[in-house]
C-alpha atoms as a PDB file:
ATOM      1  CA  UNK A   1     -37.111 -40.621-139.584  1.00  0.00           C
ATOM      2  CA  UNK A   2     -40.754 -40.976-138.538  1.00  0.00           C
ATOM      3  CA  UNK A   3     -43.443 -42.228-140.876  1.00  0.00           C
ATOM      4  CA  UNK A   4     -45.727 -39.770-142.659  1.00  0.00           C
ATOM      5  CA  UNK A   5     -49.283 -40.082-141.339  1.00  0.00           C
ATOM      6  CA  UNK A   6     -51.717 -40.685-144.189  1.00  0.00           C
ATOM      7  CA  UNK A   7     -55.481 -40.722-144.403  1.00  0.00           C
ATOM      8  CA  UNK A   8     -57.874 -41.665-147.177  1.00  0.00           C
ATOM      9  CA  UNK A   9     -60.475 -39.061-146.227  1.00  0.00           C
ATOM     10  CA  UNK A  10     -62.930 -41.594-144.795  1.00  0.00           C
ATOM     11  CA  UNK A  11     -63.618 -39.388-141.786  1.00  0.00           C
ATOM     12  CA  UNK A  12     -63.013 -36.058-143.494  1.00  0.00           C
ATOM     13  CA  UNK A  13     -64.785 -33.936-146.068  1.00  0.00           C
ATOM     14  CA  UNK A  14     -64.331 -36.394-148.926  1.00  0.00           C
ATOM     15  CA  UNK A  15     -66.836 -39.101-149.881  1.00  0.00           C
ATOM     16  CA  UNK A  16     -66.509 -42.611-148.505  1.00  0.00           C
ATOM     17  CA  UNK A  17     -66.254 -44.071-151.972  1.00  0.00           C
ATOM     18  CA  UNK A  18     -63.931 -43.313-154.848  1.00  0.00           C
ATOM     19  CA  UNK A  19     -66.838 -43.860-157.247  1.00  0.00           C
ATOM     20  CA  UNK A  20     -68.154 -40.414-156.395  1.00  0.00           C
ATOM     21  CA  UNK A  21     -64.711 -38.837-156.948  1.00  0.00           C
ATOM     22  CA  UNK A  22     -63.133 -40.686-159.853  1.00  0.00           C
ATOM     23  CA  UNK A  23     -64.762 -40.790-163.268  1.00  0.00           C
ATOM     24  CA  UNK A  24     -64.876 -44.096-165.082  1.00  0.00           C
ATOM     25  CA  UNK A  25     -66.044 -46.152-162.129  1.00  0.00           C
ATOM     26  CA  UNK A  26     -67.166 -49.621-163.169  1.00  0.00           C
ATOM     27  CA  UNK A  27     -69.539 -51.649-160.997  1.00  0.00           C
ATOM     28  CA  UNK A  28     -67.515 -54.078-158.903  1.00  0.00           C
ATOM     29  CA  UNK A  29     -64.294 -52.029-158.968  1.00  0.00           C
ATOM     30  CA  UNK A  30     -62.229 -52.663-155.848  1.00  0.00           C
ATOM     31  CA  UNK A  31     -60.678 -49.608-154.191  1.00  0.00           C
ATOM     32  CA  UNK A  32     -56.963 -50.073-153.491  1.00  0.00           C
ATOM     33  CA  UNK A  33     -53.859 -48.158-152.498  1.00  0.00           C
ATOM     34  CA  UNK A  34     -51.402 -48.298-155.389  1.00  0.00           C
ATOM     35  CA  UNK A  35     -47.757 -47.785-154.520  1.00  0.00           C
ATOM     36  CA  UNK A  36     -46.066 -45.915-157.363  1.00  0.00           C
ATOM     37  CA  UNK A  37     -42.380 -45.247-157.896  1.00  0.00           C
ATOM     38  CA  UNK A  38     -41.305 -41.629-157.478  1.00  0.00           C
ATOM     39  CA  UNK A  39     -39.990 -41.489-161.063  1.00  0.00           C
ATOM     40  CA  UNK A  40     -43.338 -42.577-162.513  1.00  0.00           C
ATOM     41  CA  UNK A  41     -45.303 -40.226-160.238  1.00  0.00           C
ATOM     42  CA  UNK A  42     -43.147 -37.313-161.402  1.00  0.00           C
ATOM     43  CA  UNK A  43     -43.704 -38.321-165.029  1.00  0.00           C
ATOM     44  CA  UNK A  44     -47.498 -38.381-164.622  1.00  0.00           C
ATOM     45  CA  UNK A  45     -47.454 -35.121-162.632  1.00  0.00           C
ATOM     46  CA  UNK A  46     -45.217 -33.302-165.123  1.00  0.00           C
ATOM     47  CA  UNK A  47     -47.444 -34.363-168.006  1.00  0.00           C
ATOM     48  CA  UNK A  48     -50.551 -33.195-166.187  1.00  0.00           C
ATOM     49  CA  UNK A  49     -49.055 -29.854-165.091  1.00  0.00           C
ATOM     50  CA  UNK A  50     -48.083 -29.073-168.686  1.00  0.00           C
ATOM     51  CA  UNK A  51     -51.732 -29.565-169.659  1.00  0.00           C
ATOM     52  CA  UNK A  52     -53.542 -28.116-166.631  1.00  0.00           C
ATOM     53  CA  UNK A  53     -51.286 -25.648-164.834  1.00  0.00           C
ATOM     54  CA  UNK A  54     -48.718 -25.440-162.054  1.00  0.00           C
ATOM     55  CA  UNK A  55     -49.613 -26.245-158.438  1.00  0.00           C
ATOM     56  CA  UNK A  56     -46.140 -26.422-156.882  1.00  0.00           C
ATOM     57  CA  UNK A  57     -46.594 -23.420-154.489  1.00  0.00           C
ATOM     58  CA  UNK A  58     -49.494 -25.213-152.759  1.00  0.00           C
ATOM     59  CA  UNK A  59     -47.256 -28.199-152.114  1.00  0.00           C
ATOM     60  CA  UNK A  60     -44.833 -25.947-150.208  1.00  0.00           C
ATOM     61  CA  UNK A  61     -47.668 -25.032-147.818  1.00  0.00           C
ATOM     62  CA  UNK A  62     -48.385 -28.725-147.229  1.00  0.00           C
ATOM     63  CA  UNK A  63     -44.722 -29.439-146.574  1.00  0.00           C
ATOM     64  CA  UNK A  64     -44.538 -26.672-143.954  1.00  0.00           C
ATOM     65  CA  UNK A  65     -47.771 -27.871-142.310  1.00  0.00           C
ATOM     66  CA  UNK A  66     -46.512 -31.455-142.086  1.00  0.00           C
ATOM     67  CA  UNK A  67     -43.191 -30.321-140.590  1.00  0.00           C
ATOM     68  CA  UNK A  68     -44.882 -28.029-138.039  1.00  0.00           C
ATOM     69  CA  UNK A  69     -47.463 -30.555-136.824  1.00  0.00           C
ATOM     70  CA  UNK A  70     -46.216 -34.159-136.568  1.00  0.00           C
ATOM     71  CA  UNK A  71     -49.769 -35.452-135.932  1.00  0.00           C
ATOM     72  CA  UNK A  72     -51.149 -33.931-139.123  1.00  0.00           C
ATOM     73  CA  UNK A  73     -52.339 -36.476-141.698  1.00  0.00           C
ATOM     74  CA  UNK A  74     -51.819 -36.089-145.417  1.00  0.00           C
ATOM     75  CA  UNK A  75     -54.769 -37.317-147.462  1.00  0.00           C
ATOM     76  CA  UNK A  76     -53.791 -39.791-150.154  1.00  0.00           C
ATOM     77  CA  UNK A  77     -54.133 -38.416-153.697  1.00  0.00           C
ATOM     78  CA  UNK A  78     -56.532 -40.099-156.127  1.00  0.00           C
ATOM     79  CA  UNK A  79     -55.426 -41.590-159.424  1.00  0.00           C
ATOM     80  CA  UNK A  80     -57.611 -42.249-162.467  1.00  0.00           C
ATOM     81  CA  UNK A  81     -57.074 -43.821-165.860  1.00  0.00           C
ATOM     82  CA  UNK A  82     -58.170 -41.880-168.924  1.00  0.00           C
ATOM     83  CA  UNK A  83     -59.951 -43.647-171.806  1.00  0.00           C
ATOM     84  CA  UNK A  84     -56.630 -43.726-173.711  1.00  0.00           C
ATOM     85  CA  UNK A  85     -55.011 -45.653-170.813  1.00  0.00           C
ATOM     86  CA  UNK A  86     -52.883 -42.771-169.522  1.00  0.00           C
ATOM     87  CA  UNK A  87     -52.915 -41.889-165.831  1.00  0.00           C
ATOM     88  CA  UNK A  88     -54.120 -38.636-164.271  1.00  0.00           C
ATOM     89  CA  UNK A  89     -54.304 -37.358-160.706  1.00  0.00           C
ATOM     90  CA  UNK A  90     -57.994 -36.561-160.300  1.00  0.00           C
ATOM     91  CA  UNK A  91     -57.700 -35.185-156.802  1.00  0.00           C
ATOM     92  CA  UNK A  92     -54.496 -34.150-155.113  1.00  0.00           C
ATOM     93  CA  UNK A  93     -51.928 -32.905-157.629  1.00  0.00           C
ATOM     94  CA  UNK A  94     -50.561 -30.579-154.944  1.00  0.00           C
ATOM     95  CA  UNK A  95     -50.234 -33.553-152.566  1.00  0.00           C
ATOM     96  CA  UNK A  96     -48.342 -35.479-155.250  1.00  0.00           C
ATOM     97  CA  UNK A  97     -45.988 -32.509-155.571  1.00  0.00           C
ATOM     98  CA  UNK A  98     -45.572 -32.585-151.776  1.00  0.00           C
ATOM     99  CA  UNK A  99     -44.672 -36.286-151.845  1.00  0.00           C
ATOM    100  CA  UNK A 100     -42.186 -35.621-154.680  1.00  0.00           C
ATOM    101  CA  UNK A 101     -40.547 -32.797-152.736  1.00  0.00           C
ATOM    102  CA  UNK A 102     -40.147 -35.052-149.704  1.00  0.00           C
ATOM    103  CA  UNK A 103     -37.909 -37.236-151.858  1.00  0.00           C
ATOM    104  CA  UNK A 104     -39.503 -40.555-150.862  1.00  0.00           C
ATOM    105  CA  UNK A 105     -38.848 -43.128-153.558  1.00  0.00           C
ATOM    106  CA  UNK A 106     -42.452 -44.418-153.513  1.00  0.00           C
ATOM    107  CA  UNK A 107     -45.797 -42.623-153.292  1.00  0.00           C
ATOM    108  CA  UNK A 108     -49.201 -44.135-152.340  1.00  0.00           C
ATOM    109  CA  UNK A 109     -52.402 -43.329-154.261  1.00  0.00           C
ATOM    110  CA  UNK A 110     -56.066 -44.262-153.977  1.00  0.00           C
ATOM    111  CA  UNK A 111     -57.375 -45.859-157.148  1.00  0.00           C
ATOM    112  CA  UNK A 112     -59.121 -48.949-158.469  1.00  0.00           C
ATOM    113  CA  UNK A 113     -57.593 -52.408-158.692  1.00  0.00           C
ATOM    114  CA  UNK A 114     -58.028 -52.542-162.485  1.00  0.00           C
ATOM    115  CA  UNK A 115     -56.140 -49.230-162.843  1.00  0.00           C
ATOM    116  CA  UNK A 116     -53.278 -50.360-160.608  1.00  0.00           C
ATOM    117  CA  UNK A 117     -52.977 -53.791-162.220  1.00  0.00           C
ATOM    118  CA  UNK A 118     -52.984 -52.339-165.736  1.00  0.00           C
ATOM    119  CA  UNK A 119     -49.872 -50.254-164.945  1.00  0.00           C
ATOM    120  CA  UNK A 120     -47.321 -52.614-163.297  1.00  0.00           C
ATOM    121  CA  UNK A 121     -44.494 -50.561-164.829  1.00  0.00           C
ATOM    122  CA  UNK A 122     -45.471 -47.786-162.394  1.00  0.00           C
ATOM    123  CA  UNK A 123     -45.335 -49.879-159.227  1.00  0.00           C
ATOM    124  CA  UNK A 124     -43.058 -49.097-156.330  1.00  0.00           C
ATOM    125  CA  UNK A 125     -42.124 -51.284-153.379  1.00  0.00           C
ATOM    126  CA  UNK A 126     -44.898 -52.122-150.905  1.00  0.00           C
ATOM    127  CA  UNK A 127     -42.293 -52.936-148.235  1.00  0.00           C
ATOM    128  CA  UNK A 128     -40.706 -49.518-148.691  1.00  0.00           C
ATOM    129  CA  UNK A 129     -44.117 -47.789-148.599  1.00  0.00           C
ATOM    130  CA  UNK A 130     -44.913 -49.522-145.309  1.00  0.00           C
ATOM    131  CA  UNK A 131     -41.631 -48.256-143.871  1.00  0.00           C
ATOM    132  CA  UNK A 132     -42.253 -44.640-144.996  1.00  0.00           C
ATOM    133  CA  UNK A 133     -45.996 -44.158-144.483  1.00  0.00           C
ATOM    134  CA  UNK A 134     -48.416 -44.812-141.646  1.00  0.00           C
ATOM    135  CA  UNK A 135     -51.669 -46.100-143.152  1.00  0.00           C
ATOM    136  CA  UNK A 136     -53.367 -46.766-139.788  1.00  0.00           C
ATOM    137  CA  UNK A 137     -55.896 -43.938-140.325  1.00  0.00           C
ATOM    138  CA  UNK A 138     -56.915 -45.314-143.735  1.00  0.00           C
ATOM    139  CA  UNK A 139     -59.842 -47.620-144.377  1.00  0.00           C
ATOM    140  CA  UNK A 140     -58.419 -51.127-144.912  1.00  0.00           C
ATOM    141  CA  UNK A 141     -57.645 -51.549-148.623  1.00  0.00           C
ATOM    142  CA  UNK A 142     -55.230 -53.846-150.432  1.00  0.00           C
ATOM    143  CA  UNK A 143     -51.826 -52.374-151.260  1.00  0.00           C
ATOM    144  CA  UNK A 144     -50.779 -53.011-154.872  1.00  0.00           C
ATOM    145  CA  UNK A 145     -47.186 -52.622-155.984  1.00  0.00           C
ATOM    146  CA  UNK A 146     -44.034 -54.657-156.201  1.00  0.00           C
ATOM    147  CA  UNK A 147     -43.068 -56.729-153.114  1.00  0.00           C
END
């Protein structure tokens, strides 16, 4: 199985910095890629869909696009922490659904170091993420997860 090509939007239509996308940015926050377990990603997604609506059909379009064009890059979803400490996908719920449908046991997200480090119970394996995803098109950022 080939790796899924990922991008962080650095050269696309999205801003170069998460601070303009994610609310709650604190000066000095370090942008990271958090590796989350599939089970935890589904839990966050299911909670959010119950509150905000269903986006599963869009994920089917992404899945077909990725299968039809092996060079296509999937932009990493963005993860934020609400004031109550819960997690929310700020940008990319449909991409999270796509990752879930692929059945990979870990999913990468763009977020801040303080968010990732405050939720170690959500971490997935960095080694597994490196075997499933190609991050070469992403701006260099630390990967946070379990070894």
